[in-house]
Amino acid sequence: MSAIAWIAMGSLAAWGWLLLGQGFFWRTDQRLPSPSGHARVDPAAWPRVAVVVPARDEAEVLPLSLPSLLAQDYPGEAEVLLVDDGSTDGTGKLAEELAQRYGGLPLTVTSPGEPEPGWTGKLWALRHGITLARTRGPDPRGPEPLRVESARPESLRAAPGGVGPCRPEFLLLTDADIAHEPDSLRRLMEAALACELDLVSQMARLRVASGWERLVVPAFVYFFAQLYPFRWINRRRRPRATAAAGGCVLLRTETAERARVPESIRQAVIDDVSLARAVRRAGGRIWLGLAERVDSVRPYPHLSDLWRMISRSAYAQLRHNPLVLAGTVAGLAVVYLAPPAALAVGLFGGDAVAGWAGGIAWAVMAGTYLPMLRYYRQPLWLAPTLPLTALLYLFMTVDSAVQHYRGRGAAWKGRTYARPEAAPDR
C-alpha cells in the first residue's frame, strides 16, 4: 500500500476507537439530572446561595445577562455579587442601574483592586466575591443594590470561625456573559441535592449567529467533549476524566473550602478544569453536561474574535509542552485532515485503498458531528466541514504556542499571563 493509504487506514482505526471507545463523547444526552430519576429531594429549607459574577469590561453583554440572574425564582435565600474587576467601561455602574430597573435578588457590586502577583484576574475576582459572601449574609435592607468598595479581600472582617453568620451553603459561579432562564438556579440545586453532588456544571449554549460562529462554535464544544467525555466525568465510581465549564458552576461551599478554592488554583489559565480537579482531589462528586436553559450572549461575529478566544488558552491546555504540541498537530492532521486528502487521492490518483479508507473515516467523522449540530440547531450539511474547522483549530493552537514564546501568553481584556509557573504553596 502507498504511504497515504497507510495513513488513511490509521485514521480509520482512530475513528473506530473514537466512535466506540472514547466515552461516546459525540452523544449530546448528558443533560442536567432530574430529581424524578433519583430519590426525590424536597428540601424543607432551600440552601442559601451566593451568585458570584466576575466582570471585566462587560457593559456590552450585561443588560442581556444580569437581569436573568436577578429574576431567578429560587425558593430559598440568594444574592448576587458582581465583582467589577477593574472595568473601564462603566460595568459596575451599569450593574447598579440594571438592579434598580429590574429589581429581583439583592445585588452587591464590589471591586477587588488589581490582582496580586501569582493570580489570574478571574480567579482574583472570584476570591474576592467568595470571601465577601462568606463574611456576611444577604443585605438585610432587601433587594436594593449596595456598592461595596474593597481593595483586598483580607480587608473583609470575618466573624469568629472565619465566616459570617449567614454563610451560603452553595456558590453559583457564573460568567458575566451567561444568561439564565428563571428556573436555572432552582434546577441546578435540585440536581445537586437529589444526586448528592458537590459541583454541578453546565456548558452554556454558545451563541451561533454569524457564519464563523456556525463553523467554529459547535466544533469547540465537540472537541471539548472529545477531550473530556462527559460520561467519564459523571461516573459515580472511578471517573476517568475531570472537567467543568466555567460559565455555570454550582459549588458546595464546604467542598470549596476543603479544596482551598480558589487559592489552590490561583494561577490557572484554564480555571474551570483546574477547579474541577481541585474539587475531585478533595473528595467531591462532579457532574458536567450540556445546558438547555443557560446561554452565552457574547457575540463572536468575526474569525479574529473566535481566534483570540481559543488561542489564548490552547497552549496552556497542552501544558506549554512543545512535544505535546507536536503530537497534537500530528494527531489533528492524521485524524481530521488525512481522510479528505486520502479520498481525493483515491478519486483522482487511482489509489483505491486510500480512497475507501479516507471516505469511510470522513463519513464516520461527519456522523459523530451530527448530534452536536442538532443541539446547536445548525444545518446538518455542515458536518462534512469538520476537517476545515480542525485545520483552523490546528493553526490557532500553533499560534497560541508562538504567542507564548513571544511572551504574550494568555492575553485577555488587557491582561497578559505570559509564562505562568506552578503556584507556590502557602
Protein backbone atom coordinates (compact mmCIF):
# COMPACT_ATOMS: atom_id res chain seq x y z
CA MET A 1 0.00 0.00 0.00
CA SER A 2 1.03 3.60 -0.51
CA ALA A 3 2.00 5.86 2.36
CA ILE A 4 -1.25 7.82 2.07
CA ALA A 5 -3.18 4.55 2.18
CA TRP A 6 -1.43 3.54 5.42
CA ILE A 7 -2.20 6.96 6.90
CA ALA A 8 -5.84 6.65 5.83
CA MET A 9 -6.07 3.22 7.43
CA GLY A 10 -4.60 4.65 10.63
CA SER A 11 -7.16 7.45 10.56
CA LEU A 12 -9.98 4.95 10.05
CA ALA A 13 -8.75 2.90 13.02
CA ALA A 14 -8.60 6.06 15.12
CA TRP A 15 -12.20 6.90 14.22
CA GLY A 16 -13.30 3.39 15.10
CA TRP A 17 -11.82 3.93 18.55
CA LEU A 18 -13.29 7.45 18.92
CA LEU A 19 -16.72 6.19 17.89
CA LEU A 20 -16.89 3.37 20.44
CA GLY A 21 -14.08 3.76 22.96
CA GLN A 22 -13.95 7.42 23.96
CA GLY A 23 -16.95 7.54 26.26
CA PHE A 24 -19.45 8.11 23.43
CA PHE A 25 -18.30 11.72 23.57
CA TRP A 26 -20.22 12.59 20.43
CA ARG A 27 -23.62 12.00 22.00
CA THR A 28 -25.36 15.03 23.48
CA ASP A 29 -27.60 13.31 26.02
CA GLN A 30 -25.72 14.34 29.17
CA ARG A 31 -28.23 16.92 30.42
CA LEU A 32 -28.99 18.21 33.90
CA PRO A 33 -30.12 15.31 36.12
CA SER A 34 -33.78 15.38 37.05
CA PRO A 35 -34.83 14.55 40.61
CA SER A 36 -37.51 12.27 39.16
CA GLY A 37 -34.75 9.89 38.07
CA HIS A 38 -33.33 9.68 41.58
CA ALA A 39 -34.55 9.70 45.14
CA ARG A 40 -36.54 12.92 45.09
CA VAL A 41 -35.30 15.56 47.49
CA ASP A 42 -37.83 18.07 48.69
CA PRO A 43 -35.78 20.34 50.97
CA ALA A 44 -37.81 21.90 53.73
CA ALA A 45 -35.41 24.84 53.72
CA TRP A 46 -33.63 25.52 50.44
CA PRO A 47 -29.88 26.13 50.90
CA ARG A 48 -28.65 29.71 50.90
CA VAL A 49 -26.81 30.62 47.68
CA ALA A 50 -24.39 33.38 46.73
CA VAL A 51 -24.14 34.02 42.99
CA VAL A 52 -20.64 35.32 42.21
CA VAL A 53 -20.15 37.05 38.84
CA PRO A 54 -16.63 38.19 37.88
CA ALA A 55 -16.93 41.01 35.34
CA ARG A 56 -14.30 42.97 33.44
CA ASP A 57 -15.49 45.42 30.77
CA GLU A 58 -18.82 43.65 30.28
CA ALA A 59 -21.10 46.63 29.63
CA GLU A 60 -21.98 45.25 26.20
CA VAL A 61 -23.43 41.96 27.43
CA LEU A 62 -24.52 42.80 30.99
CA PRO A 63 -28.01 44.07 30.01
CA LEU A 64 -28.68 40.64 28.48
CA SER A 65 -27.30 38.55 31.34
CA LEU A 66 -27.59 40.28 34.72
CA PRO A 67 -31.39 40.74 34.67
CA SER A 68 -31.75 36.99 34.16
CA LEU A 69 -29.83 36.35 37.38
CA LEU A 70 -31.79 38.93 39.34
CA ALA A 71 -35.03 37.32 38.12
CA GLN A 72 -34.28 33.81 39.45
CA ASP A 73 -37.34 32.18 41.04
CA TYR A 74 -35.23 30.32 43.60
CA PRO A 75 -37.34 29.40 46.67
CA GLY A 76 -34.53 29.97 49.18
CA GLU A 77 -32.31 32.90 50.09
CA ALA A 78 -29.96 34.08 47.35
CA GLU A 79 -27.97 37.16 46.46
CA VAL A 80 -25.86 38.27 43.51
CA LEU A 81 -22.31 39.54 44.00
CA LEU A 82 -20.91 41.20 40.88
CA VAL A 83 -17.15 41.67 41.18
CA ASP A 84 -16.10 44.58 38.95
CA ASP A 85 -12.57 43.56 38.02
CA GLY A 86 -11.03 46.89 37.03
CA SER A 87 -13.52 47.70 34.29
CA THR A 88 -13.10 50.89 32.28
CA ASP A 89 -16.49 50.83 30.51
CA GLY A 90 -18.78 51.51 33.48
CA THR A 91 -19.64 47.87 34.16
CA GLY A 92 -20.19 48.40 37.90
CA LYS A 93 -22.40 51.47 37.48
CA LEU A 94 -24.43 49.75 34.78
CA ALA A 95 -24.99 46.75 37.07
CA GLU A 96 -26.43 49.03 39.76
CA GLU A 97 -28.70 50.71 37.24
CA LEU A 98 -29.95 47.36 35.99
CA ALA A 99 -30.71 46.24 39.55
CA GLN A 100 -32.69 49.43 40.18
CA ARG A 101 -34.59 48.96 36.94
CA TYR A 102 -35.41 45.25 37.21
CA GLY A 103 -35.36 44.52 40.95
CA GLY A 104 -35.27 40.88 42.00
CA LEU A 105 -32.48 39.31 44.03
CA PRO A 106 -30.26 41.59 46.14
CA LEU A 107 -27.22 42.81 44.24
CA THR A 108 -23.84 43.84 45.57
CA VAL A 109 -21.28 45.43 43.27
CA THR A 110 -17.77 45.24 44.61
CA SER A 111 -14.22 45.73 43.35
CA PRO A 112 -11.11 43.78 44.42
CA GLY A 113 -8.42 46.04 43.01
CA GLU A 114 -5.64 44.77 40.76
CA PRO A 115 -4.65 41.11 41.15
CA GLU A 116 -1.73 40.26 43.36
CA PRO A 117 1.28 38.59 41.69
CA GLY A 118 0.57 34.93 41.05
CA TRP A 119 -3.17 35.37 40.42
CA THR A 120 -5.09 35.39 37.17
CA GLY A 121 -7.71 38.13 37.00
CA LYS A 122 -10.83 35.96 37.02
CA LEU A 123 -9.70 33.87 39.97
CA TRP A 124 -8.70 37.00 41.87
CA ALA A 125 -12.20 38.36 41.32
CA LEU A 126 -13.77 35.06 42.37
CA ARG A 127 -11.67 35.04 45.52
CA HIS A 128 -12.96 38.47 46.44
CA GLY A 129 -16.58 37.56 45.76
CA ILE A 130 -16.40 34.26 47.63
CA THR A 131 -14.71 35.91 50.62
CA LEU A 132 -17.36 38.61 50.70
CA ALA A 133 -20.14 36.00 50.52
CA ARG A 134 -18.64 34.04 53.40
CA THR A 135 -18.20 37.04 55.70
CA ARG A 136 -21.76 38.30 55.62
CA GLY A 137 -25.26 37.22 54.65
CA PRO A 138 -27.72 38.78 52.24
CA ASP A 139 -28.22 42.52 52.62
CA PRO A 140 -30.79 42.92 55.40
CA ARG A 141 -32.17 46.03 53.70
CA GLY A 142 -33.66 43.91 50.95
CA PRO A 143 -33.14 43.82 47.20
CA GLU A 144 -31.78 47.35 46.86
CA PRO A 145 -28.33 47.47 45.24
CA LEU A 146 -25.41 48.12 47.56
CA ARG A 147 -21.96 49.15 46.41
CA VAL A 148 -19.08 47.74 48.44
CA GLU A 149 -15.55 49.02 47.82
CA SER A 150 -12.58 46.96 48.97
CA ALA A 151 -9.06 46.82 47.60
CA ARG A 152 -8.22 43.45 49.13
CA PRO A 153 -10.32 40.51 50.33
CA GLU A 154 -8.28 40.49 53.54
CA SER A 155 -9.94 43.78 54.46
CA LEU A 156 -13.26 41.99 54.84
CA ARG A 157 -13.70 41.19 58.51
CA ALA A 158 -14.90 37.66 59.12
CA ALA A 159 -16.94 36.57 62.08
CA PRO A 160 -15.38 34.16 64.60
CA GLY A 161 -14.56 30.92 62.89
CA GLY A 162 -13.73 32.65 59.62
CA VAL A 163 -17.25 33.02 58.25
CA GLY A 164 -20.26 35.21 58.79
CA PRO A 165 -23.47 34.05 60.47
CA CYS A 166 -25.25 33.76 57.10
CA ARG A 167 -22.61 31.87 55.16
CA PRO A 168 -24.03 30.50 51.89
CA GLU A 169 -24.17 26.74 51.62
CA PHE A 170 -23.65 26.90 47.86
CA LEU A 171 -21.91 29.22 45.43
CA LEU A 172 -23.08 29.75 41.86
CA LEU A 173 -20.05 30.86 39.87
CA THR A 174 -21.23 32.25 36.55
CA ASP A 175 -19.65 34.47 33.92
CA ALA A 176 -20.96 37.92 33.10
CA ASP A 177 -21.96 36.87 29.58
CA ILE A 178 -24.18 33.97 30.73
CA ALA A 179 -27.97 34.36 30.68
CA HIS A 180 -30.08 32.03 32.82
CA GLU A 181 -33.71 31.04 32.48
CA PRO A 182 -35.73 31.93 35.62
CA ASP A 183 -35.65 28.35 36.96
CA SER A 184 -31.92 27.79 36.30
CA LEU A 185 -30.68 28.10 39.89
CA ARG A 186 -33.57 26.05 41.26
CA ARG A 187 -32.93 23.21 38.80
CA LEU A 188 -29.20 23.26 39.49
CA MET A 189 -29.89 22.99 43.20
CA GLU A 190 -32.41 20.18 42.73
CA ALA A 191 -29.79 18.22 40.80
CA ALA A 192 -27.10 18.86 43.41
CA LEU A 193 -29.32 17.76 46.29
CA ALA A 194 -31.00 14.81 44.57
CA CYS A 195 -27.74 13.36 43.24
CA GLU A 196 -25.56 14.40 46.22
CA LEU A 197 -23.19 16.42 44.05
CA ASP A 198 -20.54 18.86 45.20
CA LEU A 199 -20.10 20.53 41.82
CA VAL A 200 -22.75 20.80 39.11
CA SER A 201 -21.59 22.43 35.90
CA GLN A 202 -23.38 23.11 32.63
CA MET A 203 -21.66 24.05 29.40
CA ALA A 204 -23.71 27.06 28.34
CA ARG A 205 -25.07 27.03 24.83
CA LEU A 206 -22.79 29.45 23.00
CA ARG A 207 -24.12 32.00 20.53
CA VAL A 208 -24.26 30.78 16.93
CA ALA A 209 -25.39 33.54 14.59
CA SER A 210 -22.60 34.60 12.23
CA GLY A 211 -21.08 32.37 9.58
CA TRP A 212 -17.83 31.99 11.50
CA GLU A 213 -19.74 31.10 14.68
CA ARG A 214 -21.58 28.36 12.78
CA LEU A 215 -18.30 26.95 11.52
CA VAL A 216 -16.29 27.15 14.76
CA VAL A 217 -18.54 27.17 17.83
CA PRO A 218 -20.26 23.75 17.66
CA ALA A 219 -16.87 22.21 16.93
CA PHE A 220 -15.43 23.92 20.02
CA VAL A 221 -17.88 22.02 22.25
CA TYR A 222 -17.41 18.85 20.19
CA PHE A 223 -13.63 18.94 20.67
CA PHE A 224 -14.01 19.72 24.38
CA ALA A 225 -16.29 16.71 24.84
CA GLN A 226 -13.83 14.56 22.90
CA LEU A 227 -11.04 15.61 25.26
CA TYR A 228 -13.20 15.31 28.40
CA PRO A 229 -16.02 12.81 27.71
CA PHE A 230 -18.94 13.84 29.88
CA ARG A 231 -19.90 10.23 30.64
CA TRP A 232 -16.46 9.56 32.07
CA ILE A 233 -16.67 12.68 34.23
CA ASN A 234 -20.12 11.82 35.57
CA ARG A 235 -19.40 8.24 36.58
CA ARG A 236 -20.16 7.64 40.24
CA ARG A 237 -17.33 5.15 40.59
CA ARG A 238 -13.82 5.57 39.25
CA PRO A 239 -14.41 8.55 36.95
CA ARG A 240 -11.93 8.56 34.08
CA ALA A 241 -11.93 12.31 33.34
CA THR A 242 -12.34 15.54 35.27
CA ALA A 243 -13.53 18.89 33.94
CA ALA A 244 -16.10 21.64 34.38
CA ALA A 245 -17.46 24.51 32.30
CA GLY A 246 -16.60 27.78 33.98
CA GLY A 247 -19.61 29.73 32.71
CA CYS A 248 -22.02 27.94 35.06
CA VAL A 249 -20.78 26.12 38.18
CA LEU A 250 -22.82 25.39 41.29
CA LEU A 251 -20.32 24.57 44.04
CA ARG A 252 -20.87 23.40 47.59
CA THR A 253 -19.17 25.93 49.92
CA GLU A 254 -17.88 23.30 52.33
CA THR A 255 -16.23 21.44 49.46
CA ALA A 256 -14.72 24.65 48.10
CA GLU A 257 -13.13 25.30 51.48
CA ARG A 258 -11.82 21.75 51.69
CA ALA A 259 -10.34 22.11 48.20
CA ARG A 260 -8.88 25.55 49.04
CA VAL A 261 -10.66 27.11 46.07
CA PRO A 262 -9.68 29.43 44.52
CA GLU A 263 -6.30 29.78 46.30
CA SER A 264 -5.12 26.33 45.21
CA ILE A 265 -5.65 27.16 41.51
CA ARG A 266 -4.82 30.88 41.58
CA GLN A 267 -2.51 30.80 38.53
CA ALA A 268 -4.71 28.60 36.34
CA VAL A 269 -5.45 29.94 32.88
CA ILE A 270 -7.96 27.12 32.22
CA ASP A 271 -9.66 27.75 35.54
CA ASP A 272 -12.73 25.56 35.06
CA VAL A 273 -10.80 22.33 34.52
CA SER A 274 -8.43 23.24 37.37
CA LEU A 275 -11.41 23.92 39.64
CA ALA A 276 -12.94 20.52 38.88
CA ARG A 277 -9.64 18.76 39.57
CA ALA A 278 -9.23 20.56 42.90
CA VAL A 279 -12.76 19.58 43.93
CA ARG A 280 -12.22 15.97 42.94
CA ARG A 281 -8.91 15.79 44.81
CA ALA A 282 -10.81 16.97 47.87
CA GLY A 283 -13.24 14.07 47.52
CA GLY A 284 -16.06 15.96 45.85
CA ARG A 285 -18.51 14.49 43.33
CA ILE A 286 -18.76 16.25 39.98
CA TRP A 287 -21.28 16.41 37.16
CA LEU A 288 -20.87 18.13 33.78
CA GLY A 289 -23.33 18.30 30.91
CA LEU A 290 -24.80 20.42 28.16
CA ALA A 291 -27.13 23.23 29.10
CA GLU A 292 -30.67 23.63 27.85
CA ARG A 293 -31.63 26.80 29.71
CA VAL A 294 -28.28 28.55 30.15
CA ASP A 295 -26.91 30.55 27.20
CA SER A 296 -23.87 32.66 26.43
CA VAL A 297 -24.83 36.02 24.95
CA ARG A 298 -21.32 37.07 23.98
CA PRO A 299 -21.01 37.60 20.23
CA TYR A 300 -18.05 36.36 18.20
CA PRO A 301 -19.00 37.80 14.80
CA HIS A 302 -15.54 37.66 13.21
CA LEU A 303 -12.93 34.94 12.89
CA SER A 304 -10.47 37.16 14.78
CA ASP A 305 -12.80 37.17 17.81
CA LEU A 306 -13.02 33.40 17.86
CA TRP A 307 -9.29 33.09 17.20
CA ARG A 308 -8.45 35.15 20.31
CA MET A 309 -10.94 33.23 22.43
CA ILE A 310 -9.47 29.85 21.51
CA SER A 311 -5.77 30.63 21.09
CA ARG A 312 -5.44 32.40 24.46
CA SER A 313 -5.59 29.08 26.32
CA ALA A 314 -4.85 26.42 23.69
CA TYR A 315 -1.15 26.06 24.53
CA ALA A 316 -1.90 26.14 28.25
CA GLN A 317 -4.17 23.14 27.63
CA LEU A 318 -1.06 21.38 26.28
CA ARG A 319 0.86 22.29 29.46
CA HIS A 320 3.19 24.55 27.42
CA ASN A 321 5.00 21.42 26.26
CA PRO A 322 6.44 21.53 22.71
CA LEU A 323 6.42 17.73 22.46
CA VAL A 324 2.72 17.62 23.33
CA LEU A 325 2.16 20.39 20.77
CA ALA A 326 3.93 18.37 18.07
CA GLY A 327 1.87 15.30 18.96
CA THR A 328 -1.35 17.32 18.88
CA VAL A 329 -0.57 18.77 15.46
CA ALA A 330 0.28 15.33 14.11
CA GLY A 331 -2.86 13.85 15.64
CA LEU A 332 -5.12 16.53 14.18
CA ALA A 333 -3.52 16.01 10.78
CA VAL A 334 -3.93 12.22 10.80
CA VAL A 335 -7.39 12.08 12.36
CA TYR A 336 -9.12 15.07 10.75
CA LEU A 337 -7.13 16.16 7.67
CA ALA A 338 -5.98 12.84 6.25
CA PRO A 339 -9.46 11.40 5.41
CA PRO A 340 -10.49 14.06 2.84
CA ALA A 341 -6.95 14.12 1.44
CA ALA A 342 -6.94 10.33 1.07
CA LEU A 343 -10.35 10.39 -0.56
CA ALA A 344 -9.08 12.94 -3.08
CA VAL A 345 -6.04 10.76 -3.81
CA GLY A 346 -8.34 7.79 -4.32
CA LEU A 347 -10.66 9.64 -6.66
CA PHE A 348 -8.08 11.48 -8.70
CA GLY A 349 -4.93 9.39 -8.21
CA GLY A 350 -6.31 5.90 -8.58
CA ASP A 351 -5.35 4.74 -5.06
CA ALA A 352 -8.41 2.65 -4.22
CA VAL A 353 -7.32 1.68 -0.69
CA ALA A 354 -6.60 5.28 0.25
CA GLY A 355 -9.91 6.40 -1.26
CA TRP A 356 -12.06 3.82 0.51
CA ALA A 357 -10.34 4.21 3.90
CA GLY A 358 -10.40 8.00 3.69
CA GLY A 359 -14.03 8.10 2.59
CA ILE A 360 -15.23 5.81 5.37
CA ALA A 361 -13.19 7.70 8.01
CA TRP A 362 -14.63 11.02 6.80
CA ALA A 363 -18.16 9.59 6.90
CA VAL A 364 -17.70 8.36 10.49
CA MET A 365 -16.25 11.75 11.47
CA ALA A 366 -19.20 13.61 9.97
CA GLY A 367 -21.66 11.20 11.58
CA THR A 368 -20.25 11.82 15.06
CA TYR A 369 -20.60 15.57 14.48
CA LEU A 370 -24.31 15.45 13.62
CA PRO A 371 -25.64 15.31 17.22
CA MET A 372 -23.72 18.49 18.13
CA LEU A 373 -25.07 20.28 15.07
CA ARG A 374 -28.59 19.24 16.05
CA TYR A 375 -28.01 20.50 19.59
CA TYR A 376 -26.97 23.87 18.16
CA ARG A 377 -29.87 23.79 15.66
CA GLN A 378 -27.50 24.11 12.70
CA PRO A 379 -27.88 22.65 9.20
CA LEU A 380 -26.58 19.11 9.01
CA TRP A 381 -24.71 19.79 5.77
CA LEU A 382 -22.05 21.45 7.96
CA ALA A 383 -20.96 18.01 9.23
CA PRO A 384 -18.51 17.33 6.35
CA THR A 385 -16.82 20.70 7.00
CA LEU A 386 -15.33 19.44 10.27
CA PRO A 387 -11.87 18.88 8.68
CA LEU A 388 -11.79 22.56 7.68
CA THR A 389 -12.65 23.59 11.23
CA ALA A 390 -10.00 21.22 12.60
CA LEU A 391 -7.46 22.90 10.32
CA LEU A 392 -8.41 26.28 11.81
CA TYR A 393 -8.00 24.84 15.31
CA LEU A 394 -4.59 23.50 14.36
CA PHE A 395 -3.49 26.98 13.25
CA MET A 396 -4.97 28.53 16.42
CA THR A 397 -3.07 26.06 18.60
CA VAL A 398 0.22 26.74 16.85
CA ASP A 399 -0.41 30.49 17.12
CA SER A 400 -1.08 30.07 20.85
CA ALA A 401 2.35 28.46 21.23
CA VAL A 402 4.01 31.19 19.16
CA GLN A 403 2.43 33.91 21.33
CA HIS A 404 3.54 32.07 24.45
CA TYR A 405 7.17 32.02 23.37
CA ARG A 406 6.95 35.67 22.36
CA GLY A 407 5.99 36.44 25.96
CA ARG A 408 2.40 37.38 25.19
CA GLY A 409 0.85 34.23 26.59
CA ALA A 410 -2.82 34.13 27.51
CA ALA A 411 -3.88 37.70 26.70
CA TRP A 412 -7.43 38.65 27.62
CA LYS A 413 -9.01 42.08 28.08
CA GLY A 414 -5.81 43.99 28.56
CA ARG A 415 -4.06 41.44 30.77
CA THR A 416 -1.36 39.02 29.70
CA TYR A 417 -0.33 35.89 31.56
CA ALA A 418 2.87 35.29 29.67
CA ARG A 419 4.50 32.24 31.20
CA PRO A 420 2.62 31.08 34.30
CA GLU A 421 4.56 28.85 36.62
CA ALA A 422 3.18 26.41 39.16
CA ALA A 423 1.69 28.38 42.00
CA PRO A 424 3.81 28.24 45.16
CA ASP A 425 2.04 26.65 48.07
CA ARG A 426 1.27 28.80 51.09
